[in-house]
Amino acid sequence: MAREVTQEAFAAAWADDALVVDVREADEYTAGHVPGARPMPLRSVPNRCDELPTNRPVFVICASGNRSKTAADWMNSRGIDAYSVADGTGAWARTGRPIAAGSHEHAA
């Protein structure tokens, strides 16, 4: 079962340049995402795990925390230190944290 981090723990990690992977669909990502998040739709995760490092934590986020748990499970099974972000991008935005829009990942 995927390990989960709170919004507060994720915000602290994000502020410290954490690697964030957004597993929502492209249109969701484009509408608004955590700045610096790398887009990787859930269906592509099994084939793209080799793009992720195994020597640092990876924070996985989706809309509400469900898809990110599935993705984090896949990543952990492949030796990636992955954590699902509880309550997802929705909670991130509701608490007034920064949101970036557009189809390209933005440097944090």
PDB file of N, CA and C in Angstrom:
ATOM      1  N   MET A   1       0.832  -1.193   0.000  1.00  0.00           N
ATOM      2  CA  MET A   1       0.000   0.000   0.000  1.00  0.00           C
ATOM      3  C   MET A   1       0.873   1.251   0.000  1.00  0.00           C
ATOM      4  N   ALA A   2       0.495   2.206  -0.789  1.00  0.00           N
ATOM      5  CA  ALA A   2       1.280   3.426  -0.947  1.00  0.00           C
ATOM      6  C   ALA A   2       1.396   4.198   0.360  1.00  0.00           C
ATOM      7  N   ARG A   3       2.567   4.751   0.552  1.00  0.00           N
ATOM      8  CA  ARG A   3       2.764   5.654   1.679  1.00  0.00           C
ATOM      9  C   ARG A   3       2.185   7.000   1.279  1.00  0.00           C
ATOM     10  N   GLU A   4       1.601   7.677   2.245  1.00  0.00           N
ATOM     11  CA  GLU A   4       0.929   8.936   1.961  1.00  0.00           C
ATOM     12  C   GLU A   4       1.517  10.033   2.839  1.00  0.00           C
ATOM     13  N   VAL A   5       1.656  11.234   2.269  1.00  0.00           N
ATOM     14  CA  VAL A   5       2.115  12.387   3.040  1.00  0.00           C
ATOM     15  C   VAL A   5       1.002  13.414   3.109  1.00  0.00           C
ATOM     16  N   THR A   6       1.002  14.182   4.178  1.00  0.00           N
ATOM     17  CA  THR A   6       0.010  15.243   4.345  1.00  0.00           C
ATOM     18  C   THR A   6       0.330  16.413   3.426  1.00  0.00           C
ATOM     19  N   GLN A   7      -0.638  17.276   3.237  1.00  0.00           N
ATOM     20  CA  GLN A   7      -0.411  18.486   2.458  1.00  0.00           C
ATOM     21  C   GLN A   7       0.718  19.318   3.077  1.00  0.00           C
ATOM     22  N   GLU A   8       0.765  19.387   4.391  1.00  0.00           N
ATOM     23  CA  GLU A   8       1.780  20.189   5.073  1.00  0.00           C
ATOM     24  C   GLU A   8       3.182  19.615   4.828  1.00  0.00           C
ATOM     25  N   ALA A   9       3.315  18.299   4.952  1.00  0.00           N
ATOM     26  CA  ALA A   9       4.615  17.664   4.706  1.00  0.00           C
ATOM     27  C   ALA A   9       5.016  17.827   3.244  1.00  0.00           C
ATOM     28  N   PHE A  10       4.049  17.704   2.337  1.00  0.00           N
ATOM     29  CA  PHE A  10       4.338  17.886   0.924  1.00  0.00           C
ATOM     30  C   PHE A  10       4.757  19.323   0.636  1.00  0.00           C
ATOM     31  N   ALA A  11       4.065  20.298   1.229  1.00  0.00           N
ATOM     32  CA  ALA A  11       4.407  21.707   1.010  1.00  0.00           C
ATOM     33  C   ALA A  11       5.843  21.987   1.447  1.00  0.00           C
ATOM     34  N   ALA A  12       6.256  21.402   2.551  1.00  0.00           N
ATOM     35  CA  ALA A  12       7.631  21.585   3.029  1.00  0.00           C
ATOM     36  C   ALA A  12       8.625  20.959   2.059  1.00  0.00           C
ATOM     37  N   ALA A  13       8.321  19.751   1.571  1.00  0.00           N
ATOM     38  CA  ALA A  13       9.201  19.078   0.613  1.00  0.00           C
ATOM     39  C   ALA A  13       9.252  19.855  -0.697  1.00  0.00           C
ATOM     40  N   TRP A  14       8.083  20.344  -1.162  1.00  0.00           N
ATOM     41  CA  TRP A  14       8.012  21.117  -2.402  1.00  0.00           C
ATOM     42  C   TRP A  14       8.870  22.372  -2.292  1.00  0.00           C
ATOM     43  N   ALA A  15       8.802  23.043  -1.152  1.00  0.00           N
ATOM     44  CA  ALA A  15       9.595  24.256  -0.936  1.00  0.00           C
ATOM     45  C   ALA A  15      11.091  23.957  -0.970  1.00  0.00           C
ATOM     46  N   ASP A  16      11.445  22.693  -0.736  1.00  0.00           N
ATOM     47  CA  ASP A  16      12.845  22.262  -0.731  1.00  0.00           C
ATOM     48  C   ASP A  16      13.208  21.556  -2.051  1.00  0.00           C
ATOM     49  N   ASP A  17      12.494  21.912  -3.140  1.00  0.00           N
ATOM     50  CA  ASP A  17      12.757  21.373  -4.481  1.00  0.00           C
ATOM     51  C   ASP A  17      12.493  19.886  -4.642  1.00  0.00           C
ATOM     52  N   ALA A  18      11.443  19.392  -4.039  1.00  0.00           N
ATOM     53  CA  ALA A  18      11.066  17.986  -4.193  1.00  0.00           C
ATOM     54  C   ALA A  18      10.725  17.674  -5.645  1.00  0.00           C
ATOM     55  N   LEU A  19      10.917  16.414  -6.023  1.00  0.00           N
ATOM     56  CA  LEU A  19      10.494  15.943  -7.339  1.00  0.00           C
ATOM     57  C   LEU A  19       9.013  15.579  -7.230  1.00  0.00           C
ATOM     58  N   VAL A  20       8.188  16.245  -8.039  1.00  0.00           N
ATOM     59  CA  VAL A  20       6.739  16.036  -8.007  1.00  0.00           C
ATOM     60  C   VAL A  20       6.297  15.491  -9.355  1.00  0.00           C
ATOM     61  N   VAL A  21       5.521  14.410  -9.324  1.00  0.00           N
ATOM     62  CA  VAL A  21       4.966  13.811 -10.536  1.00  0.00           C
ATOM     63  C   VAL A  21       3.445  13.915 -10.446  1.00  0.00           C
ATOM     64  N   ASP A  22       2.847  14.544 -11.457  1.00  0.00           N
ATOM     65  CA  ASP A  22       1.395  14.726 -11.527  1.00  0.00           C
ATOM     66  C   ASP A  22       0.845  13.657 -12.461  1.00  0.00           C
ATOM     67  N   VAL A  23       0.001  12.761 -11.926  1.00  0.00           N
ATOM     68  CA  VAL A  23      -0.492  11.635 -12.717  1.00  0.00           C
ATOM     69  C   VAL A  23      -1.900  11.848 -13.281  1.00  0.00           C
ATOM     70  N   ARG A  24      -2.358  13.097 -13.271  1.00  0.00           N
ATOM     71  CA  ARG A  24      -3.661  13.394 -13.879  1.00  0.00           C
ATOM     72  C   ARG A  24      -3.517  13.436 -15.401  1.00  0.00           C
ATOM     73  N   GLU A  25      -4.640  13.493 -16.080  1.00  0.00           N
ATOM     74  CA  GLU A  25      -4.643  13.565 -17.539  1.00  0.00           C
ATOM     75  C   GLU A  25      -4.150  14.939 -17.993  1.00  0.00           C
ATOM     76  N   ALA A  26      -3.729  15.031 -19.250  1.00  0.00           N
ATOM     77  CA  ALA A  26      -3.127  16.252 -19.785  1.00  0.00           C
ATOM     78  C   ALA A  26      -4.020  17.480 -19.610  1.00  0.00           C
ATOM     79  N   ASP A  27      -5.326  17.330 -19.850  1.00  0.00           N
ATOM     80  CA  ASP A  27      -6.212  18.488 -19.723  1.00  0.00           C
ATOM     81  C   ASP A  27      -6.309  18.963 -18.276  1.00  0.00           C
ATOM     82  N   GLU A  28      -6.264  18.045 -17.327  1.00  0.00           N
ATOM     83  CA  GLU A  28      -6.292  18.422 -15.913  1.00  0.00           C
ATOM     84  C   GLU A  28      -5.006  19.164 -15.545  1.00  0.00           C
ATOM     85  N   TYR A  29      -3.876  18.627 -16.004  1.00  0.00           N
ATOM     86  CA  TYR A  29      -2.578  19.239 -15.729  1.00  0.00           C
ATOM     87  C   TYR A  29      -2.532  20.655 -16.304  1.00  0.00           C
ATOM     88  N   THR A  30      -2.984  20.813 -17.548  1.00  0.00           N
ATOM     89  CA  THR A  30      -2.964  22.108 -18.215  1.00  0.00           C
ATOM     90  C   THR A  30      -3.828  23.125 -17.473  1.00  0.00           C
ATOM     91  N   ALA A  31      -4.946  22.690 -16.941  1.00  0.00           N
ATOM     92  CA  ALA A  31      -5.860  23.592 -16.232  1.00  0.00           C
ATOM     93  C   ALA A  31      -5.237  24.153 -14.959  1.00  0.00           C
ATOM     94  N   GLY A  32      -4.358  23.411 -14.325  1.00  0.00           N
ATOM     95  CA  GLY A  32      -3.706  23.909 -13.118  1.00  0.00           C
ATOM     96  C   GLY A  32      -2.990  22.804 -12.385  1.00  0.00           C
ATOM     97  N   HIS A  33      -1.709  23.049 -12.064  1.00  0.00           N
ATOM     98  CA  HIS A  33      -0.900  22.034 -11.391  1.00  0.00           C
ATOM     99  C   HIS A  33       0.069  22.691 -10.410  1.00  0.00           C
ATOM    100  N   VAL A  34       0.636  21.881  -9.553  1.00  0.00           N
ATOM    101  CA  VAL A  34       1.650  22.347  -8.626  1.00  0.00           C
ATOM    102  C   VAL A  34       2.856  22.797  -9.462  1.00  0.00           C
ATOM    103  N   PRO A  35       3.350  24.009  -9.247  1.00  0.00           N
ATOM    104  CA  PRO A  35       4.509  24.459 -10.022  1.00  0.00           C
ATOM    105  C   PRO A  35       5.679  23.480  -9.907  1.00  0.00           C
ATOM    106  N   GLY A  36       6.267  23.168 -11.052  1.00  0.00           N
ATOM    107  CA  GLY A  36       7.390  22.250 -11.093  1.00  0.00           C
ATOM    108  C   GLY A  36       7.022  20.791 -11.245  1.00  0.00           C
ATOM    109  N   ALA A  37       5.731  20.476 -11.169  1.00  0.00           N
ATOM    110  CA  ALA A  37       5.303  19.080 -11.281  1.00  0.00           C
ATOM    111  C   ALA A  37       5.551  18.557 -12.687  1.00  0.00           C
ATOM    112  N   ARG A  38       6.041  17.323 -12.746  1.00  0.00           N
ATOM    113  CA  ARG A  38       6.302  16.647 -14.024  1.00  0.00           C
ATOM    114  C   ARG A  38       5.034  15.897 -14.430  1.00  0.00           C
ATOM    115  N   PRO A  39       4.472  16.182 -15.612  1.00  0.00           N
ATOM    116  CA  PRO A  39       3.272  15.453 -16.035  1.00  0.00           C
ATOM    117  C   PRO A  39       3.600  14.019 -16.446  1.00  0.00           C
ATOM    118  N   MET A  40       2.821  13.079 -15.918  1.00  0.00           N
ATOM    119  CA  MET A  40       2.990  11.666 -16.254  1.00  0.00           C
ATOM    120  C   MET A  40       1.637  10.991 -16.012  1.00  0.00           C
ATOM    121  N   PRO A  41       0.719  11.059 -16.992  1.00  0.00           N
ATOM    122  CA  PRO A  41      -0.609  10.478 -16.790  1.00  0.00           C
ATOM    123  C   PRO A  41      -0.539   9.050 -16.249  1.00  0.00           C
ATOM    124  N   LEU A  42      -1.468   8.718 -15.384  1.00  0.00           N
ATOM    125  CA  LEU A  42      -1.465   7.431 -14.694  1.00  0.00           C
ATOM    126  C   LEU A  42      -1.232   6.254 -15.629  1.00  0.00           C
ATOM    127  N   ARG A  43      -1.910   6.233 -16.752  1.00  0.00           N
ATOM    128  CA  ARG A  43      -1.780   5.086 -17.667  1.00  0.00           C
ATOM    129  C   ARG A  43      -0.360   4.919 -18.190  1.00  0.00           C
ATOM    130  N   SER A  44       0.447   5.985 -18.163  1.00  0.00           N
ATOM    131  CA  SER A  44       1.814   5.911 -18.688  1.00  0.00           C
ATOM    132  C   SER A  44       2.849   5.542 -17.621  1.00  0.00           C
ATOM    133  N   VAL A  45       2.454   5.573 -16.347  1.00  0.00           N
ATOM    134  CA  VAL A  45       3.416   5.351 -15.259  1.00  0.00           C
ATOM    135  C   VAL A  45       4.157   4.012 -15.359  1.00  0.00           C
ATOM    136  N   PRO A  46       3.465   2.878 -15.577  1.00  0.00           N
ATOM    137  CA  PRO A  46       4.199   1.610 -15.623  1.00  0.00           C
ATOM    138  C   PRO A  46       5.327   1.591 -16.656  1.00  0.00           C
ATOM    139  N   ASN A  47       5.121   2.267 -17.774  1.00  0.00           N
ATOM    140  CA  ASN A  47       6.134   2.278 -18.831  1.00  0.00           C
ATOM    141  C   ASN A  47       7.160   3.393 -18.675  1.00  0.00           C
ATOM    142  N   ARG A  48       6.930   4.307 -17.717  1.00  0.00           N
ATOM    143  CA  ARG A  48       7.832   5.456 -17.587  1.00  0.00           C
ATOM    144  C   ARG A  48       8.575   5.504 -16.249  1.00  0.00           C
ATOM    145  N   CYS A  49       8.426   4.482 -15.431  1.00  0.00           N
ATOM    146  CA  CYS A  49       9.105   4.481 -14.129  1.00  0.00           C
ATOM    147  C   CYS A  49      10.609   4.621 -14.256  1.00  0.00           C
ATOM    148  N   ASP A  50      11.168   4.141 -15.363  1.00  0.00           N
ATOM    149  CA  ASP A  50      12.617   4.234 -15.532  1.00  0.00           C
ATOM    150  C   ASP A  50      13.096   5.673 -15.717  1.00  0.00           C
ATOM    151  N   GLU A  51      12.181   6.618 -15.916  1.00  0.00           N
ATOM    152  CA  GLU A  51      12.539   8.031 -16.020  1.00  0.00           C
ATOM    153  C   GLU A  51      12.755   8.668 -14.649  1.00  0.00           C
ATOM    154  N   LEU A  52      12.378   7.958 -13.606  1.00  0.00           N
ATOM    155  CA  LEU A  52      12.416   8.526 -12.257  1.00  0.00           C
ATOM    156  C   LEU A  52      13.626   8.030 -11.478  1.00  0.00           C
ATOM    157  N   PRO A  53      14.154   8.881 -10.611  1.00  0.00           N
ATOM    158  CA  PRO A  53      15.326   8.485  -9.820  1.00  0.00           C
ATOM    159  C   PRO A  53      14.957   7.515  -8.706  1.00  0.00           C
ATOM    160  N   THR A  54      15.915   6.716  -8.312  1.00  0.00           N
ATOM    161  CA  THR A  54      15.715   5.813  -7.176  1.00  0.00           C
ATOM    162  C   THR A  54      16.482   6.296  -5.950  1.00  0.00           C
ATOM    163  N   ASN A  55      17.162   7.427  -6.085  1.00  0.00           N
ATOM    164  CA  ASN A  55      18.002   7.918  -4.995  1.00  0.00           C
ATOM    165  C   ASN A  55      17.444   9.143  -4.271  1.00  0.00           C
ATOM    166  N   ARG A  56      16.180   9.480  -4.548  1.00  0.00           N
ATOM    167  CA  ARG A  56      15.529  10.586  -3.843  1.00  0.00           C
ATOM    168  C   ARG A  56      14.026  10.360  -3.845  1.00  0.00           C
ATOM    169  N   PRO A  57      13.318  10.943  -2.885  1.00  0.00           N
ATOM    170  CA  PRO A  57      11.868  10.749  -2.833  1.00  0.00           C
ATOM    171  C   PRO A  57      11.159  11.364  -4.042  1.00  0.00           C
ATOM    172  N   VAL A  58      10.074  10.737  -4.441  1.00  0.00           N
ATOM    173  CA  VAL A  58       9.216  11.236  -5.508  1.00  0.00           C
ATOM    174  C   VAL A  58       7.832  11.415  -4.893  1.00  0.00           C
ATOM    175  N   PHE A  59       7.270  12.608  -5.055  1.00  0.00           N
ATOM    176  CA  PHE A  59       5.944  12.902  -4.523  1.00  0.00           C
ATOM    177  C   PHE A  59       4.955  12.852  -5.673  1.00  0.00           C
ATOM    178  N   VAL A  60       3.948  11.998  -5.535  1.00  0.00           N
ATOM    179  CA  VAL A  60       2.987  11.741  -6.604  1.00  0.00           C
ATOM    180  C   VAL A  60       1.675  12.405  -6.242  1.00  0.00           C
ATOM    181  N   ILE A  61       1.154  13.211  -7.186  1.00  0.00           N
ATOM    182  CA  ILE A  61      -0.072  13.955  -6.912  1.00  0.00           C
ATOM    183  C   ILE A  61      -1.066  13.769  -8.051  1.00  0.00           C
ATOM    184  N   CYS A  62      -2.349  13.791  -7.694  1.00  0.00           N
ATOM    185  CA  CYS A  62      -3.420  13.744  -8.684  1.00  0.00           C
ATOM    186  C   CYS A  62      -4.462  14.776  -8.254  1.00  0.00           C
ATOM    187  N   ALA A  63      -5.720  14.558  -8.555  1.00  0.00           N
ATOM    188  CA  ALA A  63      -6.749  15.521  -8.186  1.00  0.00           C
ATOM    189  C   ALA A  63      -7.130  15.420  -6.711  1.00  0.00           C
ATOM    190  N   SER A  64      -7.307  14.169  -6.229  1.00  0.00           N
ATOM    191  CA  SER A  64      -7.814  14.000  -4.865  1.00  0.00           C
ATOM    192  C   SER A  64      -7.053  12.984  -4.019  1.00  0.00           C
ATOM    193  N   GLY A  65      -6.090  12.300  -4.599  1.00  0.00           N
ATOM    194  CA  GLY A  65      -5.296  11.347  -3.836  1.00  0.00           C
ATOM    195  C   GLY A  65      -5.533   9.886  -4.174  1.00  0.00           C
ATOM    196  N   ASN A  66      -6.444   9.593  -5.096  1.00  0.00           N
ATOM    197  CA  ASN A  66      -6.711   8.189  -5.446  1.00  0.00           C
ATOM    198  C   ASN A  66      -5.749   7.660  -6.504  1.00  0.00           C
ATOM    199  N   ARG A  67      -5.653   8.338  -7.628  1.00  0.00           N
ATOM    200  CA  ARG A  67      -4.740   7.887  -8.692  1.00  0.00           C
ATOM    201  C   ARG A  67      -3.290   7.914  -8.216  1.00  0.00           C
ATOM    202  N   SER A  68      -2.970   8.894  -7.366  1.00  0.00           N
ATOM    203  CA  SER A  68      -1.587   8.997  -6.895  1.00  0.00           C
ATOM    204  C   SER A  68      -1.206   7.801  -6.030  1.00  0.00           C
ATOM    205  N   LYS A  69      -2.159   7.233  -5.308  1.00  0.00           N
ATOM    206  CA  LYS A  69      -1.862   6.029  -4.507  1.00  0.00           C
ATOM    207  C   LYS A  69      -1.512   4.860  -5.426  1.00  0.00           C
ATOM    208  N   THR A  70      -2.281   4.698  -6.499  1.00  0.00           N
ATOM    209  CA  THR A  70      -2.019   3.627  -7.455  1.00  0.00           C
ATOM    210  C   THR A  70      -0.643   3.809  -8.089  1.00  0.00           C
ATOM    211  N   ALA A  71      -0.353   5.034  -8.525  1.00  0.00           N
ATOM    212  CA  ALA A  71       0.930   5.307  -9.170  1.00  0.00           C
ATOM    213  C   ALA A  71       2.086   5.101  -8.193  1.00  0.00           C
ATOM    214  N   ALA A  72       1.932   5.563  -6.954  1.00  0.00           N
ATOM    215  CA  ALA A  72       2.996   5.402  -5.956  1.00  0.00           C
ATOM    216  C   ALA A  72       3.244   3.924  -5.674  1.00  0.00           C
ATOM    217  N   ASP A  73       2.195   3.115  -5.653  1.00  0.00           N
ATOM    218  CA  ASP A  73       2.359   1.666  -5.480  1.00  0.00           C
ATOM    219  C   ASP A  73       3.212   1.089  -6.610  1.00  0.00           C
ATOM    220  N   TRP A  74       2.892   1.448  -7.849  1.00  0.00           N
ATOM    221  CA  TRP A  74       3.655   0.960  -8.992  1.00  0.00           C
ATOM    222  C   TRP A  74       5.109   1.378  -8.859  1.00  0.00           C
ATOM    223  N   MET A  75       5.318   2.658  -8.536  1.00  0.00           N
ATOM    224  CA  MET A  75       6.685   3.173  -8.422  1.00  0.00           C
ATOM    225  C   MET A  75       7.459   2.466  -7.309  1.00  0.00           C
ATOM    226  N   ASN A  76       6.827   2.304  -6.156  1.00  0.00           N
ATOM    227  CA  ASN A  76       7.499   1.628  -5.043  1.00  0.00           C
ATOM    228  C   ASN A  76       7.875   0.195  -5.409  1.00  0.00           C
ATOM    229  N   SER A  77       7.024  -0.476  -6.181  1.00  0.00           N
ATOM    230  CA  SER A  77       7.314  -1.854  -6.575  1.00  0.00           C
ATOM    231  C   SER A  77       8.502  -1.933  -7.532  1.00  0.00           C
ATOM    232  N   ARG A  78       8.885  -0.781  -8.087  1.00  0.00           N
ATOM    233  CA  ARG A  78      10.024  -0.717  -9.001  1.00  0.00           C
ATOM    234  C   ARG A  78      11.235  -0.029  -8.369  1.00  0.00           C
ATOM    235  N   GLY A  79      11.228   0.074  -7.044  1.00  0.00           N
ATOM    236  CA  GLY A  79      12.384   0.596  -6.329  1.00  0.00           C
ATOM    237  C   GLY A  79      12.462   2.104  -6.202  1.00  0.00           C
ATOM    238  N   ILE A  80      11.374   2.795  -6.510  1.00  0.00           N
ATOM    239  CA  ILE A  80      11.340   4.256  -6.393  1.00  0.00           C
ATOM    240  C   ILE A  80      10.736   4.605  -5.034  1.00  0.00           C
ATOM    241  N   ASP A  81      11.331   5.560  -4.349  1.00  0.00           N
ATOM    242  CA  ASP A  81      10.877   6.002  -3.033  1.00  0.00           C
ATOM    243  C   ASP A  81       9.730   6.991  -3.215  1.00  0.00           C
ATOM    244  N   ALA A  82       8.526   6.471  -3.506  1.00  0.00           N
ATOM    245  CA  ALA A  82       7.383   7.300  -3.880  1.00  0.00           C
ATOM    246  C   ALA A  82       6.385   7.470  -2.738  1.00  0.00           C
ATOM    247  N   TYR A  83       5.798   8.660  -2.695  1.00  0.00           N
ATOM    248  CA  TYR A  83       4.796   9.013  -1.690  1.00  0.00           C
ATOM    249  C   TYR A  83       3.611   9.656  -2.379  1.00  0.00           C
ATOM    250  N   SER A  84       2.417   9.214  -2.035  1.00  0.00           N
ATOM    251  CA  SER A  84       1.192   9.807  -2.543  1.00  0.00           C
ATOM    252  C   SER A  84       0.859  11.032  -1.695  1.00  0.00           C
ATOM    253  N   VAL A  85       0.471  12.130  -2.354  1.00  0.00           N
ATOM    254  CA  VAL A  85       0.098  13.352  -1.641  1.00  0.00           C
ATOM    255  C   VAL A  85      -1.382  13.287  -1.298  1.00  0.00           C
ATOM    256  N   ALA A  86      -1.674  13.275   0.004  1.00  0.00           N
ATOM    257  CA  ALA A  86      -3.057  13.186   0.474  1.00  0.00           C
ATOM    258  C   ALA A  86      -3.891  14.352  -0.059  1.00  0.00           C
ATOM    259  N   ASP A  87      -5.066  14.039  -0.527  1.00  0.00           N
ATOM    260  CA  ASP A  87      -6.065  15.017  -0.972  1.00  0.00           C
ATOM    261  C   ASP A  87      -5.693  15.797  -2.232  1.00  0.00           C
ATOM    262  N   GLY A  88      -4.539  15.528  -2.813  1.00  0.00           N
ATOM    263  CA  GLY A  88      -4.177  16.000  -4.134  1.00  0.00           C
ATOM    264  C   GLY A  88      -4.144  17.493  -4.406  1.00  0.00           C
ATOM    265  N   THR A  89      -4.179  17.782  -5.706  1.00  0.00           N
ATOM    266  CA  THR A  89      -4.071  19.148  -6.191  1.00  0.00           C
ATOM    267  C   THR A  89      -5.248  19.995  -5.738  1.00  0.00           C
ATOM    268  N   GLY A  90      -6.422  19.376  -5.580  1.00  0.00           N
ATOM    269  CA  GLY A  90      -7.596  20.117  -5.118  1.00  0.00           C
ATOM    270  C   GLY A  90      -7.348  20.759  -3.764  1.00  0.00           C
ATOM    271  N   ALA A  91      -6.814  19.986  -2.835  1.00  0.00           N
ATOM    272  CA  ALA A  91      -6.530  20.519  -1.502  1.00  0.00           C
ATOM    273  C   ALA A  91      -5.405  21.542  -1.563  1.00  0.00           C
ATOM    274  N   TRP A  92      -4.402  21.290  -2.391  1.00  0.00           N
ATOM    275  CA  TRP A  92      -3.288  22.232  -2.563  1.00  0.00           C
ATOM    276  C   TRP A  92      -3.848  23.611  -2.965  1.00  0.00           C
ATOM    277  N   ALA A  93      -4.722  23.627  -3.958  1.00  0.00           N
ATOM    278  CA  ALA A  93      -5.296  24.887  -4.443  1.00  0.00           C
ATOM    279  C   ALA A  93      -6.225  25.528  -3.413  1.00  0.00           C
ATOM    280  N   ARG A  94      -7.041  24.707  -2.746  1.00  0.00           N
ATOM    281  CA  ARG A  94      -7.990  25.244  -1.762  1.00  0.00           C
ATOM    282  C   ARG A  94      -7.298  25.938  -0.596  1.00  0.00           C
ATOM    283  N   THR A  95      -6.064  25.549  -0.301  1.00  0.00           N
ATOM    284  CA  THR A  95      -5.345  26.169   0.808  1.00  0.00           C
ATOM    285  C   THR A  95      -4.556  27.392   0.359  1.00  0.00           C
ATOM    286  N   GLY A  96      -4.739  27.804  -0.897  1.00  0.00           N
ATOM    287  CA  GLY A  96      -4.111  29.020  -1.381  1.00  0.00           C
ATOM    288  C   GLY A  96      -2.670  28.874  -1.831  1.00  0.00           C
ATOM    289  N   ARG A  97      -2.229  27.641  -1.982  1.00  0.00           N
ATOM    290  CA  ARG A  97      -0.855  27.420  -2.444  1.00  0.00           C
ATOM    291  C   ARG A  97      -0.780  27.688  -3.949  1.00  0.00           C
ATOM    292  N   PRO A  98       0.432  27.932  -4.471  1.00  0.00           N
ATOM    293  CA  PRO A  98       0.556  28.323  -5.882  1.00  0.00           C
ATOM    294  C   PRO A  98       0.131  27.234  -6.861  1.00  0.00           C
ATOM    295  N   ILE A  99      -0.462  27.694  -7.954  1.00  0.00           N
ATOM    296  CA  ILE A  99      -0.897  26.821  -9.036  1.00  0.00           C
ATOM    297  C   ILE A  99      -0.355  27.421 -10.339  1.00  0.00           C
ATOM    298  N   ALA A 100       0.211  26.561 -11.169  1.00  0.00           N
ATOM    299  CA  ALA A 100       0.665  26.973 -12.497  1.00  0.00           C
ATOM    300  C   ALA A 100      -0.294  26.398 -13.527  1.00  0.00           C
ATOM    301  N   ALA A 101      -0.464  27.100 -14.633  1.00  0.00           N
ATOM    302  CA  ALA A 101      -1.323  26.615 -15.714  1.00  0.00           C
ATOM    303  C   ALA A 101      -0.494  26.486 -16.978  1.00  0.00           C
ATOM    304  N   GLY A 102      -0.961  25.650 -17.877  1.00  0.00           N
ATOM    305  CA  GLY A 102      -0.264  25.449 -19.139  1.00  0.00           C
ATOM    306  C   GLY A 102       0.148  24.021 -19.314  1.00  0.00           C
ATOM    307  N   SER A 103       0.597  23.693 -20.526  1.00  0.00           N
ATOM    308  CA  SER A 103       0.887  22.304 -20.842  1.00  0.00           C
ATOM    309  C   SER A 103       2.334  21.893 -20.584  1.00  0.00           C
ATOM    310  N   HIS A 104       3.166  22.820 -20.153  1.00  0.00           N
ATOM    311  CA  HIS A 104       4.563  22.484 -19.908  1.00  0.00           C
ATOM    312  C   HIS A 104       4.857  22.555 -18.420  1.00  0.00           C
ATOM    313  N   GLU A 105       5.749  21.674 -17.972  1.00  0.00           N
ATOM    314  CA  GLU A 105       6.138  21.722 -16.568  1.00  0.00           C
ATOM    315  C   GLU A 105       6.907  23.032 -16.349  1.00  0.00           C
ATOM    316  N   HIS A 106       6.756  23.571 -15.173  1.00  0.00           N
ATOM    317  CA  HIS A 106       7.404  24.837 -14.828  1.00  0.00           C
ATOM    318  C   HIS A 106       8.421  24.588 -13.738  1.00  0.00           C
ATOM    319  N   ALA A 107       9.529  25.226 -13.835  1.00  0.00           N
ATOM    320  CA  ALA A 107      10.548  25.088 -12.781  1.00  0.00           C
ATOM    321  C   ALA A 107      10.042  25.739 -11.511  1.00  0.00           C
ATOM    322  N   ALA A 108      10.255  25.057 -10.426  1.00  0.00           N
ATOM    323  CA  ALA A 108       9.804  25.597  -9.141  1.00  0.00           C
ATOM    324  C   ALA A 108      10.826  26.596  -8.624  1.00  0.00           C
TER     325      ALA A 108
END
